[in-house]
């Protein structure tokens, strides 16, 4: 089994999602591929990137191929993985900008999903994802949690529908209880 770990917290030290991912790795297996989008500042998609993406692969210029090179690499990491472990700190009720940049780079028509008469279909089926979600005050799964449902939707959009959530939410109210809930969820994860 190949595991891809994606960290998106801006905090290199003291991050709850990084700690949760460490604990999840101890349970399900050590990541073979690591990507720290919180620490390496992925670029935002640009007009050049969009034009390259919507140009047929055989018709792309060298500059267009270069514009898509990082996106291709990120997608290759997902394709190589059986399991994705994704750290999802909730910032202002949603995902961090760094994680959104990763999402924009990996959601590509004809590569990770395709359009059909009945709507889009994900092309990366047969994979599992575990989301390590942390918040200071946002209850995971609540009407004000725009991160967890969004991540499940995006993963399903590209074909990954086996998604589990480990949540250390509402840490501002009771950090010990949040950690205990997350630890119990990690203990139930299949290796």
N, C-alpha and C. Protein backbone atom coordinates (compact mmCIF):
# COMPACT_ATOMS: atom_id res chain seq x y z
N UNK A 1 0.84 -1.18 0.00
CA UNK A 1 0.00 0.00 0.00
C UNK A 1 0.88 1.24 0.00
N UNK A 2 0.59 2.18 -0.89
CA UNK A 2 1.33 3.44 -0.97
C UNK A 2 0.48 4.53 -0.34
N UNK A 3 1.10 5.30 0.56
CA UNK A 3 0.39 6.35 1.29
C UNK A 3 0.98 7.71 0.93
N UNK A 4 0.09 8.65 0.59
CA UNK A 4 0.45 10.04 0.33
C UNK A 4 -0.04 10.87 1.51
N UNK A 5 0.86 11.65 2.09
CA UNK A 5 0.49 12.54 3.20
C UNK A 5 0.58 13.98 2.71
N UNK A 6 -0.48 14.73 2.97
CA UNK A 6 -0.53 16.13 2.58
C UNK A 6 -0.78 16.97 3.83
N UNK A 7 0.20 17.78 4.18
CA UNK A 7 0.07 18.72 5.29
C UNK A 7 -0.28 20.08 4.73
N UNK A 8 -1.24 20.77 5.36
CA UNK A 8 -1.61 22.09 4.85
C UNK A 8 -1.62 23.18 5.92
N UNK A 9 -1.26 22.83 7.14
CA UNK A 9 -1.22 23.83 8.20
C UNK A 9 -0.06 24.80 7.96
N UNK A 10 -0.32 26.07 8.22
CA UNK A 10 0.73 27.09 8.13
C UNK A 10 1.73 26.93 9.27
N UNK A 11 1.32 26.22 10.32
CA UNK A 11 2.19 26.04 11.49
C UNK A 11 3.08 24.81 11.29
N UNK A 12 4.39 25.01 11.29
CA UNK A 12 5.31 23.88 11.20
C UNK A 12 5.42 23.18 12.55
N UNK A 13 5.33 23.93 13.63
CA UNK A 13 5.38 23.38 14.99
C UNK A 13 4.06 23.67 15.70
N UNK A 14 3.60 22.72 16.50
CA UNK A 14 2.40 22.92 17.28
C UNK A 14 1.10 22.80 16.51
N UNK A 15 1.16 22.22 15.34
CA UNK A 15 -0.04 22.05 14.51
C UNK A 15 -0.81 20.80 14.95
N UNK A 16 -2.08 20.96 15.21
CA UNK A 16 -2.91 19.81 15.57
C UNK A 16 -3.04 18.84 14.41
N UNK A 17 -3.24 19.34 13.19
CA UNK A 17 -3.42 18.42 12.06
C UNK A 17 -2.14 17.65 11.78
N UNK A 18 -0.99 18.27 11.95
CA UNK A 18 0.27 17.55 11.75
C UNK A 18 0.43 16.45 12.81
N UNK A 19 0.05 16.77 14.05
CA UNK A 19 0.11 15.78 15.12
C UNK A 19 -0.86 14.63 14.84
N UNK A 20 -2.08 14.97 14.40
CA UNK A 20 -3.05 13.93 14.09
C UNK A 20 -2.55 13.04 12.95
N UNK A 21 -1.96 13.65 11.92
CA UNK A 21 -1.44 12.84 10.81
C UNK A 21 -0.31 11.93 11.27
N UNK A 22 0.53 12.40 12.19
CA UNK A 22 1.57 11.52 12.77
C UNK A 22 0.93 10.31 13.43
N UNK A 23 -0.13 10.56 14.21
CA UNK A 23 -0.81 9.47 14.91
C UNK A 23 -1.53 8.54 13.94
N UNK A 24 -2.11 9.10 12.89
CA UNK A 24 -2.79 8.28 11.89
C UNK A 24 -1.76 7.41 11.16
N UNK A 25 -0.61 8.00 10.83
CA UNK A 25 0.45 7.20 10.19
C UNK A 25 0.86 6.03 11.08
N UNK A 26 0.97 6.27 12.38
CA UNK A 26 1.34 5.20 13.31
C UNK A 26 0.31 4.08 13.27
N UNK A 27 -0.93 4.42 12.95
CA UNK A 27 -2.01 3.43 12.92
C UNK A 27 -2.13 2.73 11.56
N UNK A 28 -2.09 3.51 10.47
CA UNK A 28 -2.37 2.92 9.15
C UNK A 28 -1.13 2.65 8.30
N UNK A 29 0.00 3.25 8.66
CA UNK A 29 1.23 3.03 7.92
C UNK A 29 1.92 4.35 7.60
N UNK A 30 3.23 4.28 7.47
CA UNK A 30 4.03 5.47 7.22
C UNK A 30 3.88 5.92 5.77
N UNK A 31 3.78 7.23 5.58
CA UNK A 31 3.61 7.80 4.25
C UNK A 31 4.85 7.54 3.40
N UNK A 32 4.62 7.13 2.17
CA UNK A 32 5.69 6.93 1.20
C UNK A 32 6.00 8.22 0.45
N UNK A 33 4.97 9.06 0.32
CA UNK A 33 5.09 10.33 -0.39
C UNK A 33 4.59 11.41 0.55
N UNK A 34 5.34 12.49 0.68
CA UNK A 34 4.95 13.59 1.57
C UNK A 34 4.91 14.89 0.77
N UNK A 35 3.87 15.66 1.02
CA UNK A 35 3.74 16.96 0.37
C UNK A 35 3.27 17.94 1.43
N UNK A 36 4.07 18.95 1.70
CA UNK A 36 3.74 19.97 2.69
C UNK A 36 3.31 21.24 1.96
N UNK A 37 2.04 21.33 1.62
CA UNK A 37 1.56 22.50 0.90
C UNK A 37 1.44 23.71 1.81
N UNK A 38 1.38 23.48 3.11
CA UNK A 38 1.34 24.60 4.06
C UNK A 38 2.68 25.28 4.18
N UNK A 39 3.74 24.55 3.92
CA UNK A 39 5.08 25.11 4.06
C UNK A 39 5.74 25.50 2.75
N UNK A 40 5.24 24.99 1.62
CA UNK A 40 5.95 25.28 0.37
C UNK A 40 5.23 26.24 -0.56
N UNK A 41 4.11 26.80 -0.17
CA UNK A 41 3.40 27.84 -0.92
C UNK A 41 3.24 27.51 -2.40
N UNK A 42 2.30 26.64 -2.69
CA UNK A 42 1.99 26.32 -4.08
C UNK A 42 1.46 27.56 -4.80
N UNK A 43 1.72 27.67 -6.08
CA UNK A 43 1.21 28.82 -6.82
C UNK A 43 -0.30 28.72 -7.05
N UNK A 44 -0.93 29.86 -7.20
CA UNK A 44 -2.32 29.91 -7.61
C UNK A 44 -2.38 29.62 -9.11
N UNK A 45 -3.50 29.08 -9.56
CA UNK A 45 -3.63 28.90 -11.01
C UNK A 45 -3.72 30.29 -11.64
N UNK A 46 -3.24 30.38 -12.88
CA UNK A 46 -3.20 31.65 -13.59
C UNK A 46 -3.87 31.48 -14.95
N UNK A 47 -3.98 32.58 -15.67
CA UNK A 47 -4.51 32.51 -17.02
C UNK A 47 -3.69 31.62 -17.92
N UNK A 48 -2.37 31.65 -17.74
CA UNK A 48 -1.47 30.79 -18.51
C UNK A 48 -1.74 29.33 -18.21
N UNK A 49 -1.93 29.02 -16.94
CA UNK A 49 -2.20 27.64 -16.52
C UNK A 49 -3.53 27.17 -17.11
N UNK A 50 -4.56 28.02 -17.02
CA UNK A 50 -5.89 27.65 -17.53
C UNK A 50 -5.81 27.40 -19.04
N UNK A 51 -5.15 28.30 -19.76
CA UNK A 51 -5.02 28.12 -21.22
C UNK A 51 -4.30 26.82 -21.53
N UNK A 52 -3.25 26.52 -20.79
CA UNK A 52 -2.50 25.27 -21.02
C UNK A 52 -3.38 24.07 -20.72
N UNK A 53 -4.12 24.14 -19.64
CA UNK A 53 -4.97 23.03 -19.23
C UNK A 53 -6.03 22.72 -20.28
N UNK A 54 -6.55 23.73 -20.94
CA UNK A 54 -7.60 23.53 -21.92
C UNK A 54 -7.08 23.45 -23.36
N UNK A 55 -5.78 23.27 -23.49
CA UNK A 55 -5.17 23.00 -24.80
C UNK A 55 -4.92 21.49 -24.86
N UNK A 56 -5.25 20.89 -25.98
CA UNK A 56 -5.01 19.44 -26.14
C UNK A 56 -3.54 19.14 -25.86
N UNK A 57 -3.26 18.05 -25.14
CA UNK A 57 -1.87 17.74 -24.77
C UNK A 57 -0.89 17.77 -25.95
N UNK A 58 -1.28 17.24 -27.10
CA UNK A 58 -0.36 17.22 -28.25
C UNK A 58 -0.14 18.61 -28.85
N UNK A 59 -1.02 19.55 -28.54
CA UNK A 59 -0.91 20.90 -29.09
C UNK A 59 -0.25 21.89 -28.15
N UNK A 60 0.13 21.46 -26.95
CA UNK A 60 0.70 22.38 -25.98
C UNK A 60 2.11 22.79 -26.37
N UNK A 61 2.40 24.06 -26.12
CA UNK A 61 3.75 24.59 -26.33
C UNK A 61 4.62 24.16 -25.15
N UNK A 62 5.91 24.37 -25.28
CA UNK A 62 6.82 24.07 -24.17
C UNK A 62 6.45 24.89 -22.94
N UNK A 63 6.08 26.16 -23.14
CA UNK A 63 5.68 27.00 -22.01
C UNK A 63 4.42 26.47 -21.34
N UNK A 64 3.48 25.96 -22.13
CA UNK A 64 2.26 25.40 -21.55
C UNK A 64 2.56 24.11 -20.80
N UNK A 65 3.43 23.28 -21.33
CA UNK A 65 3.81 22.06 -20.61
C UNK A 65 4.49 22.42 -19.29
N UNK A 66 5.31 23.45 -19.32
CA UNK A 66 5.99 23.90 -18.10
C UNK A 66 4.97 24.44 -17.10
N UNK A 67 3.95 25.15 -17.59
CA UNK A 67 2.92 25.71 -16.71
C UNK A 67 2.15 24.61 -15.98
N UNK A 68 2.03 23.43 -16.60
CA UNK A 68 1.30 22.32 -16.00
C UNK A 68 2.19 21.31 -15.28
N UNK A 69 3.49 21.53 -15.29
CA UNK A 69 4.43 20.53 -14.75
C UNK A 69 4.17 20.23 -13.27
N UNK A 70 3.98 21.24 -12.45
CA UNK A 70 3.73 21.00 -11.03
C UNK A 70 2.40 20.28 -10.85
N UNK A 71 1.38 20.70 -11.57
CA UNK A 71 0.07 20.05 -11.51
C UNK A 71 0.21 18.57 -11.88
N UNK A 72 0.93 18.28 -12.95
CA UNK A 72 1.16 16.90 -13.37
C UNK A 72 1.83 16.10 -12.25
N UNK A 73 2.81 16.70 -11.61
CA UNK A 73 3.54 16.03 -10.53
C UNK A 73 2.62 15.74 -9.34
N UNK A 74 1.80 16.72 -8.96
CA UNK A 74 0.86 16.52 -7.85
C UNK A 74 -0.14 15.42 -8.16
N UNK A 75 -0.62 15.40 -9.39
CA UNK A 75 -1.58 14.36 -9.80
C UNK A 75 -0.90 13.00 -9.82
N UNK A 76 0.34 12.93 -10.28
CA UNK A 76 1.08 11.67 -10.27
C UNK A 76 1.21 11.12 -8.86
N UNK A 77 1.40 12.01 -7.87
CA UNK A 77 1.49 11.57 -6.48
C UNK A 77 0.17 10.91 -6.04
N UNK A 78 -0.94 11.50 -6.42
CA UNK A 78 -2.24 10.91 -6.06
C UNK A 78 -2.44 9.59 -6.78
N UNK A 79 -2.12 9.56 -8.06
CA UNK A 79 -2.29 8.32 -8.82
C UNK A 79 -1.46 7.19 -8.23
N UNK A 80 -0.28 7.50 -7.71
CA UNK A 80 0.61 6.48 -7.14
C UNK A 80 0.13 5.97 -5.79
N UNK A 81 -0.74 6.74 -5.13
CA UNK A 81 -1.16 6.41 -3.77
C UNK A 81 -2.42 5.55 -3.74
N UNK A 82 -2.45 4.66 -2.76
CA UNK A 82 -3.66 3.91 -2.44
C UNK A 82 -4.48 4.66 -1.39
N UNK A 83 -3.76 5.35 -0.48
CA UNK A 83 -4.38 6.07 0.62
C UNK A 83 -3.81 7.48 0.68
N UNK A 84 -4.69 8.46 0.86
CA UNK A 84 -4.29 9.84 1.07
C UNK A 84 -4.59 10.22 2.50
N UNK A 85 -3.63 10.79 3.18
CA UNK A 85 -3.81 11.34 4.52
C UNK A 85 -3.69 12.85 4.37
N UNK A 86 -4.76 13.58 4.66
CA UNK A 86 -4.79 15.01 4.39
C UNK A 86 -5.09 15.78 5.67
N UNK A 87 -4.19 16.67 6.03
CA UNK A 87 -4.40 17.56 7.16
C UNK A 87 -5.26 18.74 6.73
N UNK A 88 -6.37 18.95 7.46
CA UNK A 88 -7.33 20.00 7.10
C UNK A 88 -7.60 20.88 8.32
N UNK A 89 -6.74 21.86 8.58
CA UNK A 89 -7.08 22.81 9.63
C UNK A 89 -8.18 23.74 9.11
N UNK A 90 -9.14 24.03 9.95
CA UNK A 90 -10.21 24.92 9.54
C UNK A 90 -9.78 26.35 9.86
N UNK A 91 -9.61 27.13 8.80
CA UNK A 91 -9.27 28.55 8.93
C UNK A 91 -10.49 29.36 8.48
N UNK A 92 -11.03 30.15 9.38
CA UNK A 92 -12.17 30.99 9.04
C UNK A 92 -13.29 30.19 8.38
N UNK A 93 -13.59 29.04 8.97
CA UNK A 93 -14.70 28.17 8.59
C UNK A 93 -14.45 27.33 7.34
N UNK A 94 -13.27 27.41 6.73
CA UNK A 94 -13.00 26.68 5.49
C UNK A 94 -11.57 26.16 5.48
N UNK A 95 -11.13 25.68 4.31
CA UNK A 95 -9.78 25.14 4.16
C UNK A 95 -8.78 26.29 4.03
N UNK A 96 -7.53 26.06 4.40
CA UNK A 96 -6.51 27.09 4.19
C UNK A 96 -6.28 27.33 2.70
N UNK A 97 -5.83 28.53 2.37
CA UNK A 97 -5.53 28.87 0.98
C UNK A 97 -4.54 27.91 0.36
N UNK A 98 -3.59 27.42 1.15
CA UNK A 98 -2.58 26.49 0.63
C UNK A 98 -3.23 25.19 0.15
N UNK A 99 -4.22 24.70 0.88
CA UNK A 99 -4.91 23.48 0.47
C UNK A 99 -5.79 23.75 -0.74
N UNK A 100 -6.40 24.92 -0.80
CA UNK A 100 -7.22 25.29 -1.97
C UNK A 100 -6.33 25.36 -3.22
N UNK A 101 -5.12 25.87 -3.09
CA UNK A 101 -4.20 25.92 -4.24
C UNK A 101 -3.90 24.51 -4.73
N UNK A 102 -3.68 23.56 -3.80
CA UNK A 102 -3.44 22.16 -4.18
C UNK A 102 -4.66 21.60 -4.91
N UNK A 103 -5.85 21.87 -4.38
CA UNK A 103 -7.09 21.40 -5.00
C UNK A 103 -7.20 21.92 -6.43
N UNK A 104 -6.97 23.23 -6.61
CA UNK A 104 -7.07 23.81 -7.94
C UNK A 104 -6.09 23.17 -8.92
N UNK A 105 -4.92 22.79 -8.44
CA UNK A 105 -3.91 22.19 -9.30
C UNK A 105 -4.19 20.73 -9.64
N UNK A 106 -4.97 20.04 -8.80
CA UNK A 106 -5.21 18.62 -9.06
C UNK A 106 -6.55 18.31 -9.71
N UNK A 107 -7.46 19.26 -9.74
CA UNK A 107 -8.77 19.04 -10.38
C UNK A 107 -8.67 19.46 -11.84
N UNK A 108 -8.47 18.48 -12.71
CA UNK A 108 -8.27 18.77 -14.14
C UNK A 108 -9.14 17.87 -15.01
N UNK A 109 -9.98 18.53 -15.82
CA UNK A 109 -10.85 17.81 -16.74
C UNK A 109 -10.01 16.93 -17.66
N UNK A 110 -10.45 15.69 -17.81
CA UNK A 110 -9.75 14.74 -18.67
C UNK A 110 -8.57 14.06 -18.00
N UNK A 111 -8.21 14.51 -16.81
CA UNK A 111 -7.07 13.93 -16.10
C UNK A 111 -7.51 13.30 -14.78
N UNK A 112 -8.21 14.09 -13.95
CA UNK A 112 -8.69 13.55 -12.67
C UNK A 112 -10.21 13.43 -12.63
N UNK A 113 -10.88 14.04 -13.61
CA UNK A 113 -12.33 13.86 -13.77
C UNK A 113 -12.66 14.09 -15.24
N UNK A 114 -13.84 13.64 -15.62
CA UNK A 114 -14.30 13.88 -17.00
C UNK A 114 -15.75 14.30 -16.96
N UNK A 115 -16.14 15.03 -17.97
CA UNK A 115 -17.53 15.44 -18.12
C UNK A 115 -18.29 14.38 -18.90
N UNK A 116 -19.52 14.10 -18.46
CA UNK A 116 -20.40 13.17 -19.18
C UNK A 116 -21.77 13.83 -19.32
N UNK A 117 -22.66 13.18 -20.04
CA UNK A 117 -24.02 13.70 -20.21
C UNK A 117 -24.77 13.79 -18.89
N UNK A 118 -24.36 12.98 -17.93
CA UNK A 118 -25.04 12.97 -16.62
C UNK A 118 -24.27 13.74 -15.55
N UNK A 119 -23.20 14.42 -15.96
CA UNK A 119 -22.40 15.20 -15.01
C UNK A 119 -20.97 14.69 -14.94
N UNK A 120 -20.14 15.35 -14.11
CA UNK A 120 -18.74 14.94 -14.02
C UNK A 120 -18.58 13.58 -13.34
N UNK A 121 -17.53 12.86 -13.75
CA UNK A 121 -17.20 11.56 -13.18
C UNK A 121 -15.72 11.58 -12.79
N UNK A 122 -15.43 11.19 -11.56
CA UNK A 122 -14.04 11.14 -11.10
C UNK A 122 -13.29 9.99 -11.74
N UNK A 123 -12.01 10.22 -11.99
CA UNK A 123 -11.18 9.22 -12.66
C UNK A 123 -10.16 8.55 -11.73
N UNK A 124 -10.17 8.91 -10.45
CA UNK A 124 -9.18 8.35 -9.51
C UNK A 124 -9.86 7.44 -8.49
N UNK A 125 -10.61 6.50 -8.98
CA UNK A 125 -11.38 5.60 -8.10
C UNK A 125 -10.47 4.58 -7.42
N UNK A 126 -11.03 3.94 -6.38
CA UNK A 126 -10.34 2.85 -5.71
C UNK A 126 -9.31 3.29 -4.69
N UNK A 127 -9.39 4.53 -4.27
CA UNK A 127 -8.46 5.05 -3.27
C UNK A 127 -9.22 5.39 -1.99
N UNK A 128 -8.48 5.49 -0.92
CA UNK A 128 -9.03 5.83 0.38
C UNK A 128 -8.41 7.15 0.82
N UNK A 129 -9.18 7.95 1.54
CA UNK A 129 -8.65 9.19 2.11
C UNK A 129 -9.06 9.28 3.57
N UNK A 130 -8.13 9.77 4.38
CA UNK A 130 -8.41 10.07 5.78
C UNK A 130 -8.10 11.55 5.98
N UNK A 131 -9.11 12.28 6.42
CA UNK A 131 -8.96 13.71 6.68
C UNK A 131 -8.72 13.92 8.17
N UNK A 132 -7.65 14.60 8.51
CA UNK A 132 -7.38 15.00 9.89
C UNK A 132 -7.81 16.46 10.00
N UNK A 133 -8.97 16.68 10.61
CA UNK A 133 -9.58 18.01 10.66
C UNK A 133 -9.42 18.57 12.07
N UNK A 134 -9.04 19.84 12.14
CA UNK A 134 -8.89 20.50 13.44
C UNK A 134 -9.49 21.90 13.36
N UNK A 135 -10.12 22.30 14.48
CA UNK A 135 -10.68 23.66 14.54
C UNK A 135 -10.59 24.18 15.96
N UNK A 136 -10.57 25.48 16.06
CA UNK A 136 -10.61 26.11 17.37
C UNK A 136 -12.02 26.17 17.92
N UNK A 137 -12.99 26.51 17.06
CA UNK A 137 -14.35 26.65 17.53
C UNK A 137 -15.41 26.07 16.62
N UNK A 138 -15.07 25.78 15.39
CA UNK A 138 -16.06 25.27 14.43
C UNK A 138 -16.35 23.80 14.68
N UNK A 139 -17.60 23.45 14.95
CA UNK A 139 -17.93 22.03 15.09
C UNK A 139 -17.88 21.34 13.72
N UNK A 140 -17.11 20.27 13.61
CA UNK A 140 -17.02 19.54 12.35
C UNK A 140 -18.38 18.96 12.01
N UNK A 141 -18.78 19.15 10.75
CA UNK A 141 -20.07 18.65 10.29
C UNK A 141 -21.22 19.62 10.52
N UNK A 142 -20.95 20.75 11.13
CA UNK A 142 -22.01 21.72 11.40
C UNK A 142 -22.26 22.59 10.17
N UNK A 143 -23.29 23.42 10.27
CA UNK A 143 -23.63 24.33 9.18
C UNK A 143 -22.54 25.36 8.90
N UNK A 144 -21.65 25.59 9.85
CA UNK A 144 -20.59 26.58 9.64
C UNK A 144 -19.24 25.93 9.30
N UNK A 145 -19.23 24.62 9.15
CA UNK A 145 -18.02 23.89 8.73
C UNK A 145 -18.05 23.79 7.20
N UNK A 146 -17.34 24.69 6.54
CA UNK A 146 -17.29 24.68 5.09
C UNK A 146 -16.03 23.96 4.59
N UNK A 147 -15.31 23.32 5.48
CA UNK A 147 -14.08 22.62 5.11
C UNK A 147 -14.31 21.12 4.90
N UNK A 148 -14.91 20.46 5.86
CA UNK A 148 -15.03 19.00 5.81
C UNK A 148 -15.89 18.54 4.65
N UNK A 149 -17.08 19.09 4.52
CA UNK A 149 -17.96 18.72 3.42
C UNK A 149 -17.34 19.05 2.07
N UNK A 150 -16.66 20.18 2.01
CA UNK A 150 -15.99 20.60 0.77
C UNK A 150 -14.92 19.58 0.38
N UNK A 151 -14.11 19.16 1.35
CA UNK A 151 -13.06 18.19 1.05
C UNK A 151 -13.65 16.86 0.59
N UNK A 152 -14.72 16.41 1.24
CA UNK A 152 -15.38 15.18 0.81
C UNK A 152 -15.91 15.33 -0.62
N UNK A 153 -16.49 16.49 -0.91
CA UNK A 153 -17.03 16.73 -2.25
C UNK A 153 -15.91 16.73 -3.29
N UNK A 154 -14.84 17.45 -3.03
CA UNK A 154 -13.71 17.52 -3.98
C UNK A 154 -13.12 16.14 -4.21
N UNK A 155 -12.91 15.39 -3.14
CA UNK A 155 -12.35 14.05 -3.31
C UNK A 155 -13.30 13.17 -4.11
N UNK A 156 -14.60 13.24 -3.84
CA UNK A 156 -15.58 12.49 -4.61
C UNK A 156 -15.61 12.93 -6.06
N UNK A 157 -15.44 14.21 -6.29
CA UNK A 157 -15.42 14.78 -7.63
C UNK A 157 -14.32 14.16 -8.49
N UNK A 158 -13.18 13.84 -7.87
CA UNK A 158 -12.08 13.21 -8.62
C UNK A 158 -12.11 11.68 -8.47
N UNK A 159 -13.14 11.14 -7.81
CA UNK A 159 -13.32 9.69 -7.76
C UNK A 159 -13.00 9.02 -6.44
N UNK A 160 -12.58 9.77 -5.44
CA UNK A 160 -12.23 9.18 -4.15
C UNK A 160 -13.41 9.34 -3.21
N UNK A 161 -14.16 8.25 -3.04
CA UNK A 161 -15.39 8.30 -2.24
C UNK A 161 -15.25 7.61 -0.88
N UNK A 162 -14.18 6.86 -0.68
CA UNK A 162 -13.92 6.21 0.62
C UNK A 162 -13.15 7.22 1.47
N UNK A 163 -13.90 8.06 2.19
CA UNK A 163 -13.30 9.15 2.96
C UNK A 163 -13.71 9.03 4.42
N UNK A 164 -12.71 9.01 5.30
CA UNK A 164 -12.95 8.98 6.74
C UNK A 164 -12.45 10.29 7.34
N UNK A 165 -13.08 10.71 8.42
CA UNK A 165 -12.72 11.96 9.07
C UNK A 165 -12.31 11.69 10.51
N UNK A 166 -11.16 12.22 10.88
CA UNK A 166 -10.71 12.25 12.27
C UNK A 166 -10.75 13.72 12.66
N UNK A 167 -11.54 14.04 13.68
CA UNK A 167 -11.75 15.44 14.01
C UNK A 167 -11.32 15.78 15.43
N UNK A 168 -10.52 16.81 15.52
CA UNK A 168 -10.19 17.44 16.80
C UNK A 168 -10.76 18.85 16.70
N UNK A 169 -12.07 18.94 16.86
CA UNK A 169 -12.73 20.22 16.67
C UNK A 169 -13.07 20.89 18.00
N UNK A 170 -13.38 22.15 17.93
CA UNK A 170 -13.75 22.96 19.10
C UNK A 170 -12.68 22.93 20.18
N UNK A 171 -11.42 22.97 19.75
CA UNK A 171 -10.32 22.91 20.72
C UNK A 171 -10.30 24.11 21.65
N UNK A 172 -10.80 25.24 21.16
CA UNK A 172 -10.83 26.44 22.01
C UNK A 172 -11.70 26.29 23.23
N UNK A 173 -12.73 25.48 23.10
CA UNK A 173 -13.65 25.25 24.23
C UNK A 173 -13.13 24.19 25.19
N UNK A 174 -12.55 23.11 24.65
CA UNK A 174 -12.05 22.02 25.49
C UNK A 174 -11.05 21.19 24.70
N UNK A 175 -9.81 21.59 24.76
CA UNK A 175 -8.74 20.94 23.99
C UNK A 175 -8.57 19.47 24.36
N UNK A 176 -8.69 19.16 25.65
CA UNK A 176 -8.52 17.76 26.08
C UNK A 176 -9.61 16.87 25.52
N UNK A 177 -10.83 17.33 25.54
CA UNK A 177 -11.95 16.54 25.01
C UNK A 177 -11.80 16.38 23.50
N UNK A 178 -11.36 17.43 22.81
CA UNK A 178 -11.15 17.35 21.35
C UNK A 178 -10.09 16.31 21.03
N UNK A 179 -9.00 16.31 21.78
CA UNK A 179 -7.92 15.33 21.56
C UNK A 179 -8.41 13.92 21.86
N UNK A 180 -9.19 13.75 22.90
CA UNK A 180 -9.71 12.42 23.26
C UNK A 180 -10.64 11.89 22.17
N UNK A 181 -11.50 12.76 21.63
CA UNK A 181 -12.39 12.33 20.54
C UNK A 181 -11.58 11.89 19.32
N UNK A 182 -10.57 12.66 18.99
CA UNK A 182 -9.73 12.33 17.83
C UNK A 182 -8.97 11.02 18.06
N UNK A 183 -8.44 10.85 19.25
CA UNK A 183 -7.71 9.61 19.57
C UNK A 183 -8.62 8.39 19.43
N UNK A 184 -9.88 8.52 19.86
CA UNK A 184 -10.83 7.40 19.75
C UNK A 184 -11.11 7.09 18.27
N UNK A 185 -11.23 8.12 17.45
CA UNK A 185 -11.47 7.91 16.02
C UNK A 185 -10.27 7.26 15.35
N UNK A 186 -9.07 7.67 15.74
CA UNK A 186 -7.85 7.08 15.17
C UNK A 186 -7.77 5.60 15.55
N UNK A 187 -8.13 5.27 16.78
CA UNK A 187 -8.08 3.88 17.23
C UNK A 187 -9.01 2.98 16.41
N UNK A 188 -10.05 3.56 15.82
CA UNK A 188 -11.00 2.78 15.03
C UNK A 188 -10.62 2.67 13.56
N UNK A 189 -9.59 3.40 13.12
CA UNK A 189 -9.19 3.32 11.71
C UNK A 189 -8.62 1.96 11.39
N UNK A 190 -8.97 1.45 10.25
CA UNK A 190 -8.39 0.18 9.79
C UNK A 190 -6.97 0.45 9.30
N UNK A 191 -6.09 -0.46 9.60
CA UNK A 191 -4.69 -0.31 9.19
C UNK A 191 -4.55 -0.55 7.71
